[in-house]
Amino acid sequence: MKRVVSGLCAAAIAAQAPALAASDRVQCERLLGSGRPGLYLAAGDDLAPVAGAARYIASGRLFYLVADSGGRAFRVSRATVWHVRTQTTGNAGEADEAFVSRDAVTTECSGGKPLPSFGPSGRFVSLPRYLDHHAASAAAQKYDAPLGADFHFVVSDPTQRVACAGRTDDPRTLGRDLRQVYGFEGVARSDGLLARSTQTSRALASAAPVYSGLSSELAYVAAGEPACFGFTMPMPTRSSLIGQIFPFLRGGPAGWQPQRTEIEIQTIPQGARLRSIALSWSN
């Protein structure tokens, strides 16, 4: 039953992927026409700027229109990748997974074919897997094949003479170690669902923020397209048995209320930090 349901969901998501990517491009063209860089929330036909606080809309999508050095919206002259990391506090308990996503895009380095990407169940990755793949050093890294193939990908590195000689999970391409780009601040490894019954809650042991939702997304923008990308609304990433059996039930369950989201945007290659944004949510 689990295999049948997951298979049906994966097929539905795969069929939707090109349309979703096209929808992002439409919204980004709208934003480019506005000429006002910044963060936006799209819900239905509405596309509104967001600054500091917003009403949480589970079916919405966030967009960021990048500014050039003169503060103007622009089109990229070469293919560019942005990494978006979010950390959200809320009422769903402490996250022990990360939502990891990248569209099945066709890039300048993919040989004319769409890149493989995670299906619905694969997008929720346990923190040990995620953090081990993105460790600070090669000696500490435990390479994860699905993350390497369905999330990360080959890119051109302007510092290299040969095209398509970099990777989004190569520190040499990033100009920084993997943890600096992909790590979650203040979040340590968790052994997951089965270990929680024997662990003392970090909420009781520390005054540090307890994050209910963690996400890591890569957005690819081809040359000539607006310097703009969409990313997922905050969702809880605490594992549960029902969520593991029925992955399509994950994300924004009834009663979920995020409180505050920290958004970190970085440019790849060279891992330059573009923007840090904090949002408070209301219902």
C-alpha atoms as a PDB file:
ATOM      1  CA  MET A   1       0.000   0.000   0.000  1.00  0.00           C
ATOM      2  CA  LYS A   2       2.799   2.393   0.932  1.00  0.00           C
ATOM      3  CA  ARG A   3       4.556   1.728  -2.383  1.00  0.00           C
ATOM      4  CA  VAL A   4       1.369   2.218  -4.402  1.00  0.00           C
ATOM      5  CA  VAL A   5       0.439   5.517  -2.722  1.00  0.00           C
ATOM      6  CA  SER A   6       3.987   6.879  -2.911  1.00  0.00           C
ATOM      7  CA  GLY A   7       4.262   5.848  -6.545  1.00  0.00           C
ATOM      8  CA  LEU A   8       1.019   7.608  -7.483  1.00  0.00           C
ATOM      9  CA  CYS A   9       2.113  10.777  -5.678  1.00  0.00           C
ATOM     10  CA  ALA A  10       5.546  10.708  -7.300  1.00  0.00           C
ATOM     11  CA  ALA A  11       3.970  10.409 -10.745  1.00  0.00           C
ATOM     12  CA  ALA A  12       1.632  13.327 -10.039  1.00  0.00           C
ATOM     13  CA  ILE A  13       4.456  15.549  -8.792  1.00  0.00           C
ATOM     14  CA  ALA A  14       6.673  14.636 -11.750  1.00  0.00           C
ATOM     15  CA  ALA A  15       3.895  15.512 -14.177  1.00  0.00           C
ATOM     16  CA  GLN A  16       3.433  18.889 -12.470  1.00  0.00           C
ATOM     17  CA  ALA A  17       7.119  19.866 -12.347  1.00  0.00           C
ATOM     18  CA  PRO A  18       7.402  21.653 -15.731  1.00  0.00           C
ATOM     19  CA  ALA A  19       4.159  23.582 -15.093  1.00  0.00           C
ATOM     20  CA  LEU A  20       5.367  24.659 -11.673  1.00  0.00           C
ATOM     21  CA  ALA A  21       8.666  25.860 -13.116  1.00  0.00           C
ATOM     22  CA  ALA A  22       6.754  27.740 -15.829  1.00  0.00           C
ATOM     23  CA  SER A  23       4.520  29.280 -13.167  1.00  0.00           C
ATOM     24  CA  ASP A  24       7.594  30.560 -11.319  1.00  0.00           C
ATOM     25  CA  ARG A  25       8.896  32.103 -14.523  1.00  0.00           C
ATOM     26  CA  VAL A  26       5.576  33.869 -15.105  1.00  0.00           C
ATOM     27  CA  GLN A  27       5.627  35.341 -11.602  1.00  0.00           C
ATOM     28  CA  CYS A  28       9.261  36.392 -11.979  1.00  0.00           C
ATOM     29  CA  GLU A  29       8.504  38.191 -15.244  1.00  0.00           C
ATOM     30  CA  ARG A  30       5.704  40.031 -13.411  1.00  0.00           C
ATOM     31  CA  LEU A  31       8.107  41.030 -10.666  1.00  0.00           C
ATOM     32  CA  LEU A  32      10.774  42.139 -13.124  1.00  0.00           C
ATOM     33  CA  GLY A  33       8.167  44.383 -14.740  1.00  0.00           C
ATOM     34  CA  SER A  34       7.465  45.972 -11.358  1.00  0.00           C
ATOM     35  CA  GLY A  35      11.125  46.905 -11.043  1.00  0.00           C
ATOM     36  CA  ARG A  36      11.039  46.550  -7.245  1.00  0.00           C
ATOM     37  CA  PRO A  37      13.517  43.964  -5.910  1.00  0.00           C
ATOM     38  CA  GLY A  38      12.749  42.163  -2.659  1.00  0.00           C
ATOM     39  CA  LEU A  39      10.671  39.411  -1.079  1.00  0.00           C
ATOM     40  CA  TYR A  40       7.121  38.669  -2.271  1.00  0.00           C
ATOM     41  CA  LEU A  41       4.288  36.326  -1.310  1.00  0.00           C
ATOM     42  CA  ALA A  42       2.175  34.846  -4.101  1.00  0.00           C
ATOM     43  CA  ALA A  43      -1.291  33.460  -3.336  1.00  0.00           C
ATOM     44  CA  GLY A  44      -3.665  32.836  -6.211  1.00  0.00           C
ATOM     45  CA  ASP A  45      -3.531  35.891  -8.474  1.00  0.00           C
ATOM     46  CA  ASP A  46      -2.126  38.097  -5.701  1.00  0.00           C
ATOM     47  CA  LEU A  47       1.581  38.901  -5.591  1.00  0.00           C
ATOM     48  CA  ALA A  48       2.419  41.245  -2.745  1.00  0.00           C
ATOM     49  CA  PRO A  49       5.684  42.527  -1.252  1.00  0.00           C
ATOM     50  CA  VAL A  50       6.556  41.222   2.195  1.00  0.00           C
ATOM     51  CA  ALA A  51       8.594  43.094   4.791  1.00  0.00           C
ATOM     52  CA  GLY A  52       8.933  42.000   8.397  1.00  0.00           C
ATOM     53  CA  ALA A  53       5.527  40.349   8.865  1.00  0.00           C
ATOM     54  CA  ALA A  54       2.913  38.547   6.771  1.00  0.00           C
ATOM     55  CA  ARG A  55      -0.198  36.399   7.034  1.00  0.00           C
ATOM     56  CA  TYR A  56       0.614  32.730   6.657  1.00  0.00           C
ATOM     57  CA  ILE A  57      -1.046  31.157   3.608  1.00  0.00           C
ATOM     58  CA  ALA A  58      -0.262  27.441   3.370  1.00  0.00           C
ATOM     59  CA  SER A  59      -1.006  27.322  -0.365  1.00  0.00           C
ATOM     60  CA  GLY A  60       1.171  30.356  -1.108  1.00  0.00           C
ATOM     61  CA  ARG A  61       4.688  30.572  -2.481  1.00  0.00           C
ATOM     62  CA  LEU A  62       7.519  32.966  -1.699  1.00  0.00           C
ATOM     63  CA  PHE A  63       9.519  34.782  -4.389  1.00  0.00           C
ATOM     64  CA  TYR A  64      12.677  36.824  -4.272  1.00  0.00           C
ATOM     65  CA  LEU A  65      13.606  39.386  -6.947  1.00  0.00           C
ATOM     66  CA  VAL A  66      17.339  40.071  -6.779  1.00  0.00           C
ATOM     67  CA  ALA A  67      18.811  43.557  -7.109  1.00  0.00           C
ATOM     68  CA  ASP A  68      22.008  44.417  -8.970  1.00  0.00           C
ATOM     69  CA  SER A  69      24.749  46.582  -7.453  1.00  0.00           C
ATOM     70  CA  GLY A  70      22.677  49.660  -8.292  1.00  0.00           C
ATOM     71  CA  GLY A  71      19.560  48.330  -6.541  1.00  0.00           C
ATOM     72  CA  ARG A  72      17.732  47.526  -9.801  1.00  0.00           C
ATOM     73  CA  ALA A  73      16.018  44.339 -10.957  1.00  0.00           C
ATOM     74  CA  PHE A  74      17.847  42.663 -13.840  1.00  0.00           C
ATOM     75  CA  ARG A  75      18.240  39.597 -16.064  1.00  0.00           C
ATOM     76  CA  VAL A  76      21.216  37.322 -15.441  1.00  0.00           C
ATOM     77  CA  SER A  77      23.896  37.291 -18.135  1.00  0.00           C
ATOM     78  CA  ARG A  78      24.974  33.731 -17.264  1.00  0.00           C
ATOM     79  CA  ALA A  79      23.337  30.780 -15.566  1.00  0.00           C
ATOM     80  CA  THR A  80      23.158  31.334 -11.816  1.00  0.00           C
ATOM     81  CA  VAL A  81      22.144  29.209  -8.840  1.00  0.00           C
ATOM     82  CA  TRP A  82      20.779  30.461  -5.539  1.00  0.00           C
ATOM     83  CA  HIS A  83      20.496  28.484  -2.331  1.00  0.00           C
ATOM     84  CA  VAL A  84      17.635  29.340   0.020  1.00  0.00           C
ATOM     85  CA  ARG A  85      17.703  28.089   3.597  1.00  0.00           C
ATOM     86  CA  THR A  86      14.802  28.636   5.996  1.00  0.00           C
ATOM     87  CA  GLN A  87      14.504  27.956   9.717  1.00  0.00           C
ATOM     88  CA  THR A  88      11.050  28.367  11.237  1.00  0.00           C
ATOM     89  CA  THR A  89       9.778  28.332  14.793  1.00  0.00           C
ATOM     90  CA  GLY A  90       6.208  27.184  15.304  1.00  0.00           C
ATOM     91  CA  ASN A  91       3.848  24.911  17.164  1.00  0.00           C
ATOM     92  CA  ALA A  92       4.785  21.550  15.619  1.00  0.00           C
ATOM     93  CA  GLY A  93       7.625  20.427  17.892  1.00  0.00           C
ATOM     94  CA  GLU A  94      11.325  20.228  17.101  1.00  0.00           C
ATOM     95  CA  ALA A  95      12.288  19.375  13.511  1.00  0.00           C
ATOM     96  CA  ASP A  96      14.372  16.264  12.956  1.00  0.00           C
ATOM     97  CA  GLU A  97      14.237  16.428   9.162  1.00  0.00           C
ATOM     98  CA  ALA A  98      14.856  19.031   6.466  1.00  0.00           C
ATOM     99  CA  PHE A  99      12.691  19.691   3.420  1.00  0.00           C
ATOM    100  CA  VAL A 100      15.150  19.527   0.503  1.00  0.00           C
ATOM    101  CA  SER A 101      14.070  20.545  -2.998  1.00  0.00           C
ATOM    102  CA  ARG A 102      15.308  21.457  -6.454  1.00  0.00           C
ATOM    103  CA  ASP A 103      13.252  21.457  -9.659  1.00  0.00           C
ATOM    104  CA  ALA A 104      13.942  18.919 -12.413  1.00  0.00           C
ATOM    105  CA  VAL A 105      15.454  21.665 -14.549  1.00  0.00           C
ATOM    106  CA  THR A 106      17.468  21.374 -17.753  1.00  0.00           C
ATOM    107  CA  THR A 107      20.740  23.231 -17.275  1.00  0.00           C
ATOM    108  CA  GLU A 108      23.653  24.240 -19.469  1.00  0.00           C
ATOM    109  CA  CYS A 109      25.537  21.268 -18.006  1.00  0.00           C
ATOM    110  CA  SER A 110      22.833  18.551 -18.070  1.00  0.00           C
ATOM    111  CA  GLY A 111      23.278  17.482 -21.684  1.00  0.00           C
ATOM    112  CA  GLY A 112      19.859  18.705 -22.782  1.00  0.00           C
ATOM    113  CA  LYS A 113      18.030  16.498 -20.287  1.00  0.00           C
ATOM    114  CA  PRO A 114      16.179  17.450 -17.088  1.00  0.00           C
ATOM    115  CA  LEU A 115      18.114  16.784 -13.912  1.00  0.00           C
ATOM    116  CA  PRO A 116      16.805  14.028 -11.632  1.00  0.00           C
ATOM    117  CA  SER A 117      15.057  15.388  -8.563  1.00  0.00           C
ATOM    118  CA  PHE A 118      13.479  14.098  -5.375  1.00  0.00           C
ATOM    119  CA  GLY A 119       9.964  12.687  -5.408  1.00  0.00           C
ATOM    120  CA  PRO A 120       7.522  13.686  -2.641  1.00  0.00           C
ATOM    121  CA  SER A 121       8.786  11.267  -0.002  1.00  0.00           C
ATOM    122  CA  GLY A 122      12.476  11.832  -0.768  1.00  0.00           C
ATOM    123  CA  ARG A 123      12.261  15.573  -0.126  1.00  0.00           C
ATOM    124  CA  PHE A 124      12.106  15.042   3.633  1.00  0.00           C
ATOM    125  CA  VAL A 125      15.665  14.144   4.607  1.00  0.00           C
ATOM    126  CA  SER A 126      16.725  13.204   8.129  1.00  0.00           C
ATOM    127  CA  LEU A 127      19.016  15.746   9.781  1.00  0.00           C
ATOM    128  CA  PRO A 128      21.882  13.254  10.261  1.00  0.00           C
ATOM    129  CA  ARG A 129      21.880  12.489   6.518  1.00  0.00           C
ATOM    130  CA  TYR A 130      21.613  16.146   5.543  1.00  0.00           C
ATOM    131  CA  LEU A 131      24.205  17.464   7.997  1.00  0.00           C
ATOM    132  CA  ASP A 132      26.665  14.629   7.341  1.00  0.00           C
ATOM    133  CA  HIS A 133      26.610  15.290   3.588  1.00  0.00           C
ATOM    134  CA  HIS A 134      27.170  19.005   4.239  1.00  0.00           C
ATOM    135  CA  ALA A 135      29.899  18.635   6.865  1.00  0.00           C
ATOM    136  CA  ALA A 136      32.582  21.285   7.293  1.00  0.00           C
ATOM    137  CA  SER A 137      35.423  19.057   6.048  1.00  0.00           C
ATOM    138  CA  ALA A 138      35.949  16.179   3.636  1.00  0.00           C
ATOM    139  CA  ALA A 139      37.092  14.010   6.532  1.00  0.00           C
ATOM    140  CA  ALA A 140      33.808  14.550   8.392  1.00  0.00           C
ATOM    141  CA  GLN A 141      31.567  14.237   5.335  1.00  0.00           C
ATOM    142  CA  LYS A 142      29.472  11.115   4.744  1.00  0.00           C
ATOM    143  CA  TYR A 143      28.483  11.347   1.104  1.00  0.00           C
ATOM    144  CA  ASP A 144      24.773  10.734   0.504  1.00  0.00           C
ATOM    145  CA  ALA A 145      24.057   9.458  -3.027  1.00  0.00           C
ATOM    146  CA  PRO A 146      20.430  10.709  -3.276  1.00  0.00           C
ATOM    147  CA  LEU A 147      21.436  14.188  -2.083  1.00  0.00           C
ATOM    148  CA  GLY A 148      24.344  14.143  -4.509  1.00  0.00           C
ATOM    149  CA  ALA A 149      22.152  13.211  -7.485  1.00  0.00           C
ATOM    150  CA  ASP A 150      18.640  14.540  -6.778  1.00  0.00           C
ATOM    151  CA  PHE A 151      19.540  17.812  -5.051  1.00  0.00           C
ATOM    152  CA  HIS A 152      23.057  18.837  -6.020  1.00  0.00           C
ATOM    153  CA  PHE A 153      24.269  19.111  -9.603  1.00  0.00           C
ATOM    154  CA  VAL A 154      27.078  20.143 -11.937  1.00  0.00           C
ATOM    155  CA  VAL A 155      27.502  23.872 -12.628  1.00  0.00           C
ATOM    156  CA  SER A 156      29.956  26.108 -14.434  1.00  0.00           C
ATOM    157  CA  ASP A 157      32.481  27.766 -12.175  1.00  0.00           C
ATOM    158  CA  PRO A 158      33.759  31.099 -13.545  1.00  0.00           C
ATOM    159  CA  THR A 159      37.086  30.523 -11.778  1.00  0.00           C
ATOM    160  CA  GLN A 160      37.692  27.382 -13.886  1.00  0.00           C
ATOM    161  CA  ARG A 161      38.827  27.414 -17.498  1.00  0.00           C
ATOM    162  CA  VAL A 162      36.653  24.432 -18.412  1.00  0.00           C
ATOM    163  CA  ALA A 163      32.860  24.768 -18.523  1.00  0.00           C
ATOM    164  CA  CYS A 164      30.763  22.616 -16.190  1.00  0.00           C
ATOM    165  CA  ALA A 165      33.728  21.896 -13.928  1.00  0.00           C
ATOM    166  CA  GLY A 166      31.991  22.711 -10.625  1.00  0.00           C
ATOM    167  CA  ARG A 167      29.341  21.220  -8.369  1.00  0.00           C
ATOM    168  CA  THR A 168      26.916  22.770  -5.924  1.00  0.00           C
ATOM    169  CA  ASP A 169      28.332  20.510  -3.182  1.00  0.00           C
ATOM    170  CA  ASP A 170      32.002  21.127  -3.950  1.00  0.00           C
ATOM    171  CA  PRO A 171      33.705  23.530  -1.501  1.00  0.00           C
ATOM    172  CA  ARG A 172      36.028  24.671  -4.294  1.00  0.00           C
ATOM    173  CA  THR A 173      33.026  25.842  -6.317  1.00  0.00           C
ATOM    174  CA  LEU A 174      31.400  27.463  -3.290  1.00  0.00           C
ATOM    175  CA  GLY A 175      34.512  29.210  -2.051  1.00  0.00           C
ATOM    176  CA  ARG A 176      33.429  28.135   1.459  1.00  0.00           C
ATOM    177  CA  ASP A 177      32.920  24.858   3.282  1.00  0.00           C
ATOM    178  CA  LEU A 178      29.605  23.050   2.835  1.00  0.00           C
ATOM    179  CA  ARG A 179      28.401  23.686   6.363  1.00  0.00           C
ATOM    180  CA  GLN A 180      28.790  27.451   5.951  1.00  0.00           C
ATOM    181  CA  VAL A 181      26.513  27.409   2.906  1.00  0.00           C
ATOM    182  CA  TYR A 182      24.050  24.605   3.656  1.00  0.00           C
ATOM    183  CA  GLY A 183      24.145  24.165   7.434  1.00  0.00           C
ATOM    184  CA  PHE A 184      21.332  25.269   9.750  1.00  0.00           C
ATOM    185  CA  GLU A 185      22.468  27.720  12.402  1.00  0.00           C
ATOM    186  CA  GLY A 186      21.999  26.450  15.945  1.00  0.00           C
ATOM    187  CA  VAL A 187      20.743  23.046  14.784  1.00  0.00           C
ATOM    188  CA  ALA A 188      22.551  19.874  15.824  1.00  0.00           C
ATOM    189  CA  ARG A 189      22.186  16.302  14.607  1.00  0.00           C
ATOM    190  CA  SER A 190      19.102  14.442  15.781  1.00  0.00           C
ATOM    191  CA  ASP A 191      18.753  10.688  15.667  1.00  0.00           C
ATOM    192  CA  GLY A 192      15.159  11.048  14.531  1.00  0.00           C
ATOM    193  CA  LEU A 193      11.796   9.618  15.349  1.00  0.00           C
ATOM    194  CA  LEU A 194      12.805   6.507  17.313  1.00  0.00           C
ATOM    195  CA  ALA A 195      15.301   8.346  19.539  1.00  0.00           C
ATOM    196  CA  ARG A 196      12.932  11.089  20.653  1.00  0.00           C
ATOM    197  CA  SER A 197      11.271   8.923  23.299  1.00  0.00           C
ATOM    198  CA  THR A 198      14.602   8.604  25.140  1.00  0.00           C
ATOM    199  CA  GLN A 199      15.895  12.159  24.741  1.00  0.00           C
ATOM    200  CA  THR A 200      15.302  15.196  26.892  1.00  0.00           C
ATOM    201  CA  SER A 201      13.700  17.947  24.836  1.00  0.00           C
ATOM    202  CA  ARG A 202      16.149  20.690  23.860  1.00  0.00           C
ATOM    203  CA  ALA A 203      13.357  23.145  24.549  1.00  0.00           C
ATOM    204  CA  LEU A 204      13.647  22.269  28.240  1.00  0.00           C
ATOM    205  CA  ALA A 205      17.430  22.271  28.271  1.00  0.00           C
ATOM    206  CA  SER A 206      18.157  25.510  26.432  1.00  0.00           C
ATOM    207  CA  ALA A 207      16.722  28.940  25.768  1.00  0.00           C
ATOM    208  CA  ALA A 208      17.921  28.775  22.126  1.00  0.00           C
ATOM    209  CA  PRO A 209      15.226  28.779  19.422  1.00  0.00           C
ATOM    210  CA  VAL A 210      13.614  25.424  18.721  1.00  0.00           C
ATOM    211  CA  TYR A 211      12.910  25.143  15.012  1.00  0.00           C
ATOM    212  CA  SER A 212       9.802  23.293  13.859  1.00  0.00           C
ATOM    213  CA  GLY A 213      10.579  23.624  10.150  1.00  0.00           C
ATOM    214  CA  LEU A 214      13.841  23.477   8.209  1.00  0.00           C
ATOM    215  CA  SER A 215      14.244  23.771   4.448  1.00  0.00           C
ATOM    216  CA  SER A 216      17.043  23.852   1.901  1.00  0.00           C
ATOM    217  CA  GLU A 217      16.288  24.648  -1.748  1.00  0.00           C
ATOM    218  CA  LEU A 218      18.351  25.247  -4.873  1.00  0.00           C
ATOM    219  CA  ALA A 219      17.016  27.502  -7.628  1.00  0.00           C
ATOM    220  CA  TYR A 220      18.562  27.488 -11.105  1.00  0.00           C
ATOM    221  CA  VAL A 221      18.113  30.557 -13.344  1.00  0.00           C
ATOM    222  CA  ALA A 222      19.230  30.330 -16.982  1.00  0.00           C
ATOM    223  CA  ALA A 223      21.039  33.118 -18.816  1.00  0.00           C
ATOM    224  CA  GLY A 224      18.635  35.792 -19.976  1.00  0.00           C
ATOM    225  CA  GLU A 225      15.987  35.045 -17.336  1.00  0.00           C
ATOM    226  CA  PRO A 226      15.040  37.431 -14.512  1.00  0.00           C
ATOM    227  CA  ALA A 227      17.279  37.263 -11.450  1.00  0.00           C
ATOM    228  CA  CYS A 228      14.361  35.857  -9.483  1.00  0.00           C
ATOM    229  CA  PHE A 229      13.223  32.562  -7.975  1.00  0.00           C
ATOM    230  CA  GLY A 230      10.426  30.998  -5.969  1.00  0.00           C
ATOM    231  CA  PHE A 231      10.647  28.818  -2.877  1.00  0.00           C
ATOM    232  CA  THR A 232       8.372  26.877  -0.567  1.00  0.00           C
ATOM    233  CA  MET A 233       6.308  28.310   2.274  1.00  0.00           C
ATOM    234  CA  PRO A 234       7.503  27.199   5.735  1.00  0.00           C
ATOM    235  CA  MET A 235       6.231  23.795   6.797  1.00  0.00           C
ATOM    236  CA  PRO A 236       6.857  21.529   9.797  1.00  0.00           C
ATOM    237  CA  THR A 237       9.610  18.957   9.306  1.00  0.00           C
ATOM    238  CA  ARG A 238       9.185  16.814  12.398  1.00  0.00           C
ATOM    239  CA  SER A 239       8.977  13.175  11.359  1.00  0.00           C
ATOM    240  CA  SER A 240       5.974  11.011  12.160  1.00  0.00           C
ATOM    241  CA  LEU A 241       4.908   7.488  11.291  1.00  0.00           C
ATOM    242  CA  ILE A 242       1.853   8.686   9.365  1.00  0.00           C
ATOM    243  CA  GLY A 243       3.994  11.157   7.392  1.00  0.00           C
ATOM    244  CA  GLN A 244       6.487   8.443   6.481  1.00  0.00           C
ATOM    245  CA  ILE A 245       3.723   6.128   5.256  1.00  0.00           C
ATOM    246  CA  PHE A 246       1.738   8.843   3.447  1.00  0.00           C
ATOM    247  CA  PRO A 247       4.256  11.521   2.319  1.00  0.00           C
ATOM    248  CA  PHE A 248       1.571  13.525   0.505  1.00  0.00           C
ATOM    249  CA  LEU A 249       0.119  14.409   3.916  1.00  0.00           C
ATOM    250  CA  ARG A 250       3.318  16.227   4.871  1.00  0.00           C
ATOM    251  CA  GLY A 251       3.507  20.005   4.943  1.00  0.00           C
ATOM    252  CA  GLY A 252       1.101  22.434   6.573  1.00  0.00           C
ATOM    253  CA  PRO A 253      -1.127  20.023   8.532  1.00  0.00           C
ATOM    254  CA  ALA A 254      -4.271  21.283  10.238  1.00  0.00           C
ATOM    255  CA  GLY A 255      -3.334  23.422  13.240  1.00  0.00           C
ATOM    256  CA  TRP A 256       0.156  24.287  11.992  1.00  0.00           C
ATOM    257  CA  GLN A 257       1.046  27.875  12.832  1.00  0.00           C
ATOM    258  CA  PRO A 258       4.552  29.168  12.112  1.00  0.00           C
ATOM    259  CA  GLN A 259       5.764  32.018  14.265  1.00  0.00           C
ATOM    260  CA  ARG A 260       9.026  33.296  12.766  1.00  0.00           C
ATOM    261  CA  THR A 261      11.086  32.310   9.722  1.00  0.00           C
ATOM    262  CA  GLU A 262      14.751  33.120   9.180  1.00  0.00           C
ATOM    263  CA  ILE A 263      15.623  33.136   5.464  1.00  0.00           C
ATOM    264  CA  GLU A 264      19.214  32.949   4.265  1.00  0.00           C
ATOM    265  CA  ILE A 265      19.911  33.394   0.525  1.00  0.00           C
ATOM    266  CA  GLN A 266      23.316  32.646  -0.989  1.00  0.00           C
ATOM    267  CA  THR A 267      24.620  32.768  -4.548  1.00  0.00           C
ATOM    268  CA  ILE A 268      26.420  29.808  -6.159  1.00  0.00           C
ATOM    269  CA  PRO A 269      29.198  29.627  -7.389  1.00  0.00           C
ATOM    270  CA  GLN A 270      31.381  31.291  -4.772  1.00  0.00           C
ATOM    271  CA  GLY A 271      28.785  31.021  -2.013  1.00  0.00           C
ATOM    272  CA  ALA A 272      28.335  34.778  -1.637  1.00  0.00           C
ATOM    273  CA  ARG A 273      25.748  35.646   1.003  1.00  0.00           C
ATOM    274  CA  LEU A 274      23.074  37.679  -0.731  1.00  0.00           C
ATOM    275  CA  ARG A 275      20.498  38.396   1.945  1.00  0.00           C
ATOM    276  CA  SER A 276      19.277  37.432   5.422  1.00  0.00           C
ATOM    277  CA  ILE A 277      15.582  38.064   6.089  1.00  0.00           C
ATOM    278  CA  ALA A 278      13.399  37.506   9.154  1.00  0.00           C
ATOM    279  CA  LEU A 279       9.616  37.163   8.848  1.00  0.00           C
ATOM    280  CA  SER A 280       6.971  36.982  11.558  1.00  0.00           C
ATOM    281  CA  TRP A 281       3.748  35.141  10.706  1.00  0.00           C
ATOM    282  CA  SER A 282       0.142  35.732  11.706  1.00  0.00           C
ATOM    283  CA  ASN A 283      -2.992  33.761  10.885  1.00  0.00           C
END
